[in-house]
Amino acid sequence: MNLKVALLDSGIAPTHPHIRDRGGKIEWAGDWASGVLSKPREPHADEIGHGTAAAAAILDLCPGLTLLSVRIFGSTPRTSPSALAGALRAAFEARPRIINLSLGSVDARLVPALASVVETILEAGILLVAPAEVRGLAAWPGSLPGVQGVLVDPHCPRDQPRREESSGRIRYWASPYPRDVDGLPRERNFHGPSFACANVTGFLARALAAQDALPPP
């Protein structure tokens, strides 16, 4: 499968069974965890496991795709505005079909800094998936027009997010849970808006992969 998805997160552990067993290919597209670009390690270290869990959720819904890892977290799930903008540019330069951003900021002062790179991404026809809301507040860049903004709905099946569009803003309601882990209650596993984004990304990737498999008219 030639479909590429960029994942901006804490890295991906390629030997993890939830990654390895789904036939995904991992490529390293940049490491911004220190706040500035450093040469990608192969593989990136995933110090907190968050990116690996998000990658597994995507691959569970669309096995066999290529994941481009852009590392923006180190030992804590935080990053700077400049690192976020740089990571988005690095993801764009890798030319994926989808960029999955596992975070959103509620600070609207960041909008001008992010709007330009987001516009470049969208003009290239790349889908950008990001949280539209965090703790009940609008999140950026997920609330910008044209972004596939994601909201949490624990009642949605993982593979069936609900889409609505109004005034140029796209919203998906999606399950906040990753794939289930044997012996671990889902409430004790990673969960939240970033995994709702991963589920939407997997859903969109699967739809694009099916589209690509169709013969030309």
C-alpha atoms as a PDB file:
ATOM      1  CA  MET A   1       0.000   0.000   0.000  1.00  0.00           C
ATOM      2  CA  ASN A   2       1.400   3.420  -1.009  1.00  0.00           C
ATOM      3  CA  LEU A   3      -0.818   5.419   1.365  1.00  0.00           C
ATOM      4  CA  LYS A   4       1.233   7.528   3.775  1.00  0.00           C
ATOM      5  CA  VAL A   5       0.058   8.992   7.082  1.00  0.00           C
ATOM      6  CA  ALA A   6       2.231  11.348   9.128  1.00  0.00           C
ATOM      7  CA  LEU A   7       1.875  10.948  12.899  1.00  0.00           C
ATOM      8  CA  LEU A   8       2.997  13.855  15.098  1.00  0.00           C
ATOM      9  CA  ASP A   9       3.413  12.267  18.512  1.00  0.00           C
ATOM     10  CA  SER A  10       6.002  10.715  20.827  1.00  0.00           C
ATOM     11  CA  GLY A  11       7.534   8.354  18.254  1.00  0.00           C
ATOM     12  CA  ILE A  12       6.689   4.787  17.254  1.00  0.00           C
ATOM     13  CA  ALA A  13       8.187   1.522  18.506  1.00  0.00           C
ATOM     14  CA  PRO A  14       8.262  -0.526  15.281  1.00  0.00           C
ATOM     15  CA  THR A  15       8.832  -3.862  17.050  1.00  0.00           C
ATOM     16  CA  HIS A  16       5.731  -3.546  19.214  1.00  0.00           C
ATOM     17  CA  PRO A  17       3.384  -6.421  18.286  1.00  0.00           C
ATOM     18  CA  HIS A  18       0.445  -4.056  17.668  1.00  0.00           C
ATOM     19  CA  ILE A  19       2.610  -2.339  15.024  1.00  0.00           C
ATOM     20  CA  ARG A  20       4.526  -5.278  13.633  1.00  0.00           C
ATOM     21  CA  ASP A  21       1.505  -7.563  13.286  1.00  0.00           C
ATOM     22  CA  ARG A  22      -0.523  -5.054  11.233  1.00  0.00           C
ATOM     23  CA  GLY A  23       1.926  -4.922   8.345  1.00  0.00           C
ATOM     24  CA  GLY A  24       2.694  -1.239   8.671  1.00  0.00           C
ATOM     25  CA  LYS A  25       5.877   0.379   7.407  1.00  0.00           C
ATOM     26  CA  ILE A  26       7.502   3.009   9.624  1.00  0.00           C
ATOM     27  CA  GLU A  27       9.583   5.894   8.277  1.00  0.00           C
ATOM     28  CA  TRP A  28      11.247   8.658  10.309  1.00  0.00           C
ATOM     29  CA  ALA A  29      10.401  12.181   9.155  1.00  0.00           C
ATOM     30  CA  GLY A  30      11.837  14.392  11.895  1.00  0.00           C
ATOM     31  CA  ASP A  31      12.501  14.705  15.622  1.00  0.00           C
ATOM     32  CA  TRP A  32      11.331  17.911  17.317  1.00  0.00           C
ATOM     33  CA  ALA A  33      11.087  16.561  20.870  1.00  0.00           C
ATOM     34  CA  SER A  34      13.914  18.849  22.014  1.00  0.00           C
ATOM     35  CA  GLY A  35      12.102  21.896  20.585  1.00  0.00           C
ATOM     36  CA  VAL A  36      14.320  22.096  17.501  1.00  0.00           C
ATOM     37  CA  LEU A  37      14.836  19.730  14.579  1.00  0.00           C
ATOM     38  CA  SER A  38      17.390  17.013  15.156  1.00  0.00           C
ATOM     39  CA  LYS A  39      18.421  14.214  12.845  1.00  0.00           C
ATOM     40  CA  PRO A  40      15.842  11.431  13.071  1.00  0.00           C
ATOM     41  CA  ARG A  41      17.017   8.404  14.956  1.00  0.00           C
ATOM     42  CA  GLU A  42      16.093   5.063  13.506  1.00  0.00           C
ATOM     43  CA  PRO A  43      13.923   4.272  15.254  1.00  0.00           C
ATOM     44  CA  HIS A  44      12.784   7.216  17.347  1.00  0.00           C
ATOM     45  CA  ALA A  45      12.634   6.473  21.032  1.00  0.00           C
ATOM     46  CA  ASP A  46       9.037   6.410  22.264  1.00  0.00           C
ATOM     47  CA  GLU A  47       9.570   7.257  25.907  1.00  0.00           C
ATOM     48  CA  ILE A  48       5.900   7.320  26.944  1.00  0.00           C
ATOM     49  CA  GLY A  49       4.271   4.867  24.516  1.00  0.00           C
ATOM     50  CA  HIS A  50       1.626   7.353  23.404  1.00  0.00           C
ATOM     51  CA  GLY A  51       2.703   7.521  19.762  1.00  0.00           C
ATOM     52  CA  THR A  52       2.973   3.747  19.517  1.00  0.00           C
ATOM     53  CA  ALA A  53      -0.581   3.375  20.881  1.00  0.00           C
ATOM     54  CA  ALA A  54      -1.887   6.008  18.437  1.00  0.00           C
ATOM     55  CA  ALA A  55      -0.077   4.300  15.555  1.00  0.00           C
ATOM     56  CA  ALA A  56      -1.559   0.946  16.583  1.00  0.00           C
ATOM     57  CA  ALA A  57      -5.063   2.449  16.620  1.00  0.00           C
ATOM     58  CA  ILE A  58      -4.569   3.763  13.074  1.00  0.00           C
ATOM     59  CA  LEU A  59      -3.097   0.510  11.771  1.00  0.00           C
ATOM     60  CA  ASP A  60      -5.869  -1.491  13.412  1.00  0.00           C
ATOM     61  CA  LEU A  61      -8.370   0.329  11.180  1.00  0.00           C
ATOM     62  CA  CYS A  62      -6.148   0.483   8.080  1.00  0.00           C
ATOM     63  CA  PRO A  63      -3.446  -2.223   8.125  1.00  0.00           C
ATOM     64  CA  GLY A  64      -0.450  -2.020   5.825  1.00  0.00           C
ATOM     65  CA  LEU A  65      -0.111   1.725   5.369  1.00  0.00           C
ATOM     66  CA  THR A  66       3.136   3.678   5.771  1.00  0.00           C
ATOM     67  CA  LEU A  67       3.418   5.767   8.934  1.00  0.00           C
ATOM     68  CA  LEU A  68       5.751   8.774   8.879  1.00  0.00           C
ATOM     69  CA  SER A  69       6.817   9.443  12.457  1.00  0.00           C
ATOM     70  CA  VAL A  70       7.395  13.088  13.376  1.00  0.00           C
ATOM     71  CA  ARG A  71       8.425  13.100  17.019  1.00  0.00           C
ATOM     72  CA  ILE A  72       7.211  16.124  19.000  1.00  0.00           C
ATOM     73  CA  PHE A  73       7.042  14.673  22.545  1.00  0.00           C
ATOM     74  CA  GLY A  74       9.830  13.365  24.724  1.00  0.00           C
ATOM     75  CA  SER A  75       9.143  12.155  28.246  1.00  0.00           C
ATOM     76  CA  THR A  76       6.031  14.367  28.629  1.00  0.00           C
ATOM     77  CA  PRO A  77       3.175  15.088  26.174  1.00  0.00           C
ATOM     78  CA  ARG A  78       4.104  18.753  25.711  1.00  0.00           C
ATOM     79  CA  THR A  79       5.731  20.779  22.977  1.00  0.00           C
ATOM     80  CA  SER A  80       6.418  24.418  22.098  1.00  0.00           C
ATOM     81  CA  PRO A  81       4.555  26.487  19.466  1.00  0.00           C
ATOM     82  CA  SER A  82       7.699  26.794  17.343  1.00  0.00           C
ATOM     83  CA  ALA A  83       8.345  23.047  17.506  1.00  0.00           C
ATOM     84  CA  LEU A  84       4.722  22.343  16.565  1.00  0.00           C
ATOM     85  CA  ALA A  85       4.929  24.640  13.533  1.00  0.00           C
ATOM     86  CA  GLY A  86       8.253  23.081  12.531  1.00  0.00           C
ATOM     87  CA  ALA A  87       6.891  19.561  12.929  1.00  0.00           C
ATOM     88  CA  LEU A  88       3.883  20.410  10.755  1.00  0.00           C
ATOM     89  CA  ARG A  89       6.252  21.700   8.064  1.00  0.00           C
ATOM     90  CA  ALA A  90       8.340  18.525   8.303  1.00  0.00           C
ATOM     91  CA  ALA A  91       5.196  16.440   7.925  1.00  0.00           C
ATOM     92  CA  PHE A  92       4.100  18.490   4.908  1.00  0.00           C
ATOM     93  CA  GLU A  93       7.489  18.071   3.216  1.00  0.00           C
ATOM     94  CA  ALA A  94       7.094  14.288   3.458  1.00  0.00           C
ATOM     95  CA  ARG A  95       3.897  14.631   1.350  1.00  0.00           C
ATOM     96  CA  PRO A  96       1.550  12.227   3.168  1.00  0.00           C
ATOM     97  CA  ARG A  97      -2.149  11.905   2.319  1.00  0.00           C
ATOM     98  CA  ILE A  98      -3.088  12.543   5.975  1.00  0.00           C
ATOM     99  CA  ILE A  99      -1.371  14.296   8.875  1.00  0.00           C
ATOM    100  CA  ASN A 100      -2.511  13.170  12.324  1.00  0.00           C
ATOM    101  CA  LEU A 101      -1.787  15.704  15.050  1.00  0.00           C
ATOM    102  CA  SER A 102      -2.146  14.252  18.537  1.00  0.00           C
ATOM    103  CA  LEU A 103      -2.559  17.562  20.322  1.00  0.00           C
ATOM    104  CA  GLY A 104      -4.336  20.895  20.315  1.00  0.00           C
ATOM    105  CA  SER A 105      -3.708  24.182  22.103  1.00  0.00           C
ATOM    106  CA  VAL A 106      -6.470  26.258  23.675  1.00  0.00           C
ATOM    107  CA  ASP A 107      -4.322  29.401  23.355  1.00  0.00           C
ATOM    108  CA  ALA A 108      -5.834  31.352  20.447  1.00  0.00           C
ATOM    109  CA  ARG A 109      -2.711  33.545  20.334  1.00  0.00           C
ATOM    110  CA  LEU A 110      -1.028  30.660  18.491  1.00  0.00           C
ATOM    111  CA  VAL A 111      -3.449  30.853  15.565  1.00  0.00           C
ATOM    112  CA  PRO A 112      -1.435  33.337  13.449  1.00  0.00           C
ATOM    113  CA  ALA A 113       1.717  31.233  13.804  1.00  0.00           C
ATOM    114  CA  LEU A 114      -0.085  28.044  12.780  1.00  0.00           C
ATOM    115  CA  ALA A 115      -2.473  29.384  10.145  1.00  0.00           C
ATOM    116  CA  SER A 116       0.161  29.799   7.412  1.00  0.00           C
ATOM    117  CA  VAL A 117       1.573  26.263   7.603  1.00  0.00           C
ATOM    118  CA  VAL A 118      -1.943  24.816   7.937  1.00  0.00           C
ATOM    119  CA  GLU A 119      -3.024  26.706   4.819  1.00  0.00           C
ATOM    120  CA  THR A 120      -0.038  25.280   2.912  1.00  0.00           C
ATOM    121  CA  ILE A 121      -0.958  21.757   4.035  1.00  0.00           C
ATOM    122  CA  LEU A 122      -4.607  22.101   3.039  1.00  0.00           C
ATOM    123  CA  GLU A 123      -3.825  23.719  -0.331  1.00  0.00           C
ATOM    124  CA  ALA A 124      -1.738  20.641  -1.176  1.00  0.00           C
ATOM    125  CA  GLY A 125      -4.811  18.459  -0.668  1.00  0.00           C
ATOM    126  CA  ILE A 126      -3.443  16.862   2.499  1.00  0.00           C
ATOM    127  CA  LEU A 127      -5.988  16.054   5.212  1.00  0.00           C
ATOM    128  CA  LEU A 128      -5.030  17.416   8.632  1.00  0.00           C
ATOM    129  CA  VAL A 129      -6.709  15.665  11.579  1.00  0.00           C
ATOM    130  CA  ALA A 130      -6.506  17.369  14.988  1.00  0.00           C
ATOM    131  CA  PRO A 131      -8.572  17.843  18.161  1.00  0.00           C
ATOM    132  CA  ALA A 132     -11.195  20.579  17.764  1.00  0.00           C
ATOM    133  CA  GLU A 133     -11.750  20.824  21.502  1.00  0.00           C
ATOM    134  CA  VAL A 134      -9.749  20.198  24.669  1.00  0.00           C
ATOM    135  CA  ARG A 135     -11.439  20.282  28.089  1.00  0.00           C
ATOM    136  CA  GLY A 136     -14.469  22.003  26.587  1.00  0.00           C
ATOM    137  CA  LEU A 137     -12.463  24.796  24.922  1.00  0.00           C
ATOM    138  CA  ALA A 138     -11.766  25.331  21.217  1.00  0.00           C
ATOM    139  CA  ALA A 139      -8.402  23.836  20.284  1.00  0.00           C
ATOM    140  CA  TRP A 140      -5.974  24.953  17.591  1.00  0.00           C
ATOM    141  CA  PRO A 141      -5.197  24.175  14.838  1.00  0.00           C
ATOM    142  CA  GLY A 142      -8.108  21.699  14.944  1.00  0.00           C
ATOM    143  CA  SER A 143     -10.692  24.495  14.962  1.00  0.00           C
ATOM    144  CA  LEU A 144      -9.330  26.212  11.842  1.00  0.00           C
ATOM    145  CA  PRO A 145     -11.510  26.017   8.691  1.00  0.00           C
ATOM    146  CA  GLY A 146     -10.682  23.058   6.475  1.00  0.00           C
ATOM    147  CA  VAL A 147      -9.055  20.998   9.243  1.00  0.00           C
ATOM    148  CA  GLN A 148     -10.673  17.661  10.092  1.00  0.00           C
ATOM    149  CA  GLY A 149     -11.517  18.717  13.650  1.00  0.00           C
ATOM    150  CA  VAL A 150     -12.264  15.899  16.089  1.00  0.00           C
ATOM    151  CA  LEU A 151     -14.550  15.810  19.133  1.00  0.00           C
ATOM    152  CA  VAL A 152     -14.954  12.962  21.611  1.00  0.00           C
ATOM    153  CA  ASP A 153     -18.021  10.718  21.688  1.00  0.00           C
ATOM    154  CA  PRO A 154     -17.501   7.568  23.790  1.00  0.00           C
ATOM    155  CA  HIS A 155     -20.653   6.042  22.276  1.00  0.00           C
ATOM    156  CA  CYS A 156     -19.241   5.983  18.720  1.00  0.00           C
ATOM    157  CA  PRO A 157     -17.840   2.672  17.509  1.00  0.00           C
ATOM    158  CA  ARG A 158     -14.101   3.050  16.851  1.00  0.00           C
ATOM    159  CA  ASP A 159     -14.538   2.449  13.120  1.00  0.00           C
ATOM    160  CA  GLN A 160     -17.619   4.655  12.657  1.00  0.00           C
ATOM    161  CA  PRO A 161     -16.981   8.315  13.498  1.00  0.00           C
ATOM    162  CA  ARG A 162     -19.787  10.766  12.783  1.00  0.00           C
ATOM    163  CA  ARG A 163     -19.092  13.683  10.401  1.00  0.00           C
ATOM    164  CA  GLU A 164     -20.719  17.093  10.181  1.00  0.00           C
ATOM    165  CA  GLU A 165     -19.767  20.196   8.183  1.00  0.00           C
ATOM    166  CA  SER A 166     -20.949  23.761   8.746  1.00  0.00           C
ATOM    167  CA  SER A 167     -19.585  27.136   7.550  1.00  0.00           C
ATOM    168  CA  GLY A 168     -16.388  25.559   6.240  1.00  0.00           C
ATOM    169  CA  ARG A 169     -15.624  23.776   9.495  1.00  0.00           C
ATOM    170  CA  ILE A 170     -15.460  19.995   9.484  1.00  0.00           C
ATOM    171  CA  ARG A 171     -16.203  18.046  12.649  1.00  0.00           C
ATOM    172  CA  TYR A 172     -15.960  14.369  13.481  1.00  0.00           C
ATOM    173  CA  TRP A 173     -17.288  12.820  16.662  1.00  0.00           C
ATOM    174  CA  ALA A 174     -15.231   9.737  17.452  1.00  0.00           C
ATOM    175  CA  SER A 175     -14.451   7.172  20.129  1.00  0.00           C
ATOM    176  CA  PRO A 176     -11.653   8.291  22.494  1.00  0.00           C
ATOM    177  CA  TYR A 177     -10.349   4.746  22.953  1.00  0.00           C
ATOM    178  CA  PRO A 178      -7.533   2.963  21.091  1.00  0.00           C
ATOM    179  CA  ARG A 179      -7.655  -0.722  20.273  1.00  0.00           C
ATOM    180  CA  ASP A 180      -8.368  -2.888  23.313  1.00  0.00           C
ATOM    181  CA  VAL A 181      -5.502  -4.579  25.121  1.00  0.00           C
ATOM    182  CA  ASP A 182      -6.113  -8.037  26.586  1.00  0.00           C
ATOM    183  CA  GLY A 183      -6.385  -7.933  30.365  1.00  0.00           C
ATOM    184  CA  LEU A 184      -6.405  -4.123  30.583  1.00  0.00           C
ATOM    185  CA  PRO A 185      -9.692  -2.253  31.190  1.00  0.00           C
ATOM    186  CA  ARG A 186     -10.034   0.403  28.509  1.00  0.00           C
ATOM    187  CA  GLU A 187     -10.402   3.155  31.133  1.00  0.00           C
ATOM    188  CA  ARG A 188      -6.877   2.327  32.365  1.00  0.00           C
ATOM    189  CA  ASN A 189      -5.389   2.400  28.881  1.00  0.00           C
ATOM    190  CA  PHE A 190      -4.493   5.587  26.995  1.00  0.00           C
ATOM    191  CA  HIS A 191      -7.646   7.439  25.948  1.00  0.00           C
ATOM    192  CA  GLY A 192      -8.830  10.935  25.097  1.00  0.00           C
ATOM    193  CA  PRO A 193      -9.017  13.389  22.165  1.00  0.00           C
ATOM    194  CA  SER A 194      -5.727  12.241  20.634  1.00  0.00           C
ATOM    195  CA  PHE A 195      -7.088   8.707  20.245  1.00  0.00           C
ATOM    196  CA  ALA A 196     -10.338  10.011  18.831  1.00  0.00           C
ATOM    197  CA  CYS A 197      -8.075  11.653  16.210  1.00  0.00           C
ATOM    198  CA  ALA A 198      -6.256   8.362  15.592  1.00  0.00           C
ATOM    199  CA  ASN A 199      -9.588   6.623  15.031  1.00  0.00           C
ATOM    200  CA  VAL A 200     -10.693   9.301  12.549  1.00  0.00           C
ATOM    201  CA  THR A 201      -7.340   9.048  10.771  1.00  0.00           C
ATOM    202  CA  GLY A 202      -7.665   5.263  10.506  1.00  0.00           C
ATOM    203  CA  PHE A 203     -11.199   5.662   9.190  1.00  0.00           C
ATOM    204  CA  LEU A 204     -10.127   8.225   6.556  1.00  0.00           C
ATOM    205  CA  ALA A 205      -7.065   6.193   5.569  1.00  0.00           C
ATOM    206  CA  ARG A 206      -9.200   3.109   5.035  1.00  0.00           C
ATOM    207  CA  ALA A 207     -11.599   5.107   2.830  1.00  0.00           C
ATOM    208  CA  LEU A 208      -8.705   6.510   0.777  1.00  0.00           C
ATOM    209  CA  ALA A 209      -7.104   3.085   0.444  1.00  0.00           C
ATOM    210  CA  ALA A 210     -10.376   1.635  -0.865  1.00  0.00           C
ATOM    211  CA  GLN A 211     -10.610   4.546  -3.302  1.00  0.00           C
ATOM    212  CA  ASP A 212      -7.080   3.920  -4.559  1.00  0.00           C
ATOM    213  CA  ALA A 213      -7.864   0.236  -5.080  1.00  0.00           C
ATOM    214  CA  LEU A 214     -10.649   1.045  -7.547  1.00  0.00           C
ATOM    215  CA  PRO A 215      -9.762   0.727 -11.233  1.00  0.00           C
ATOM    216  CA  PRO A 216      -9.849   3.999 -13.251  1.00  0.00           C
ATOM    217  CA  PRO A 217     -13.241   4.754 -14.839  1.00  0.00           C
END
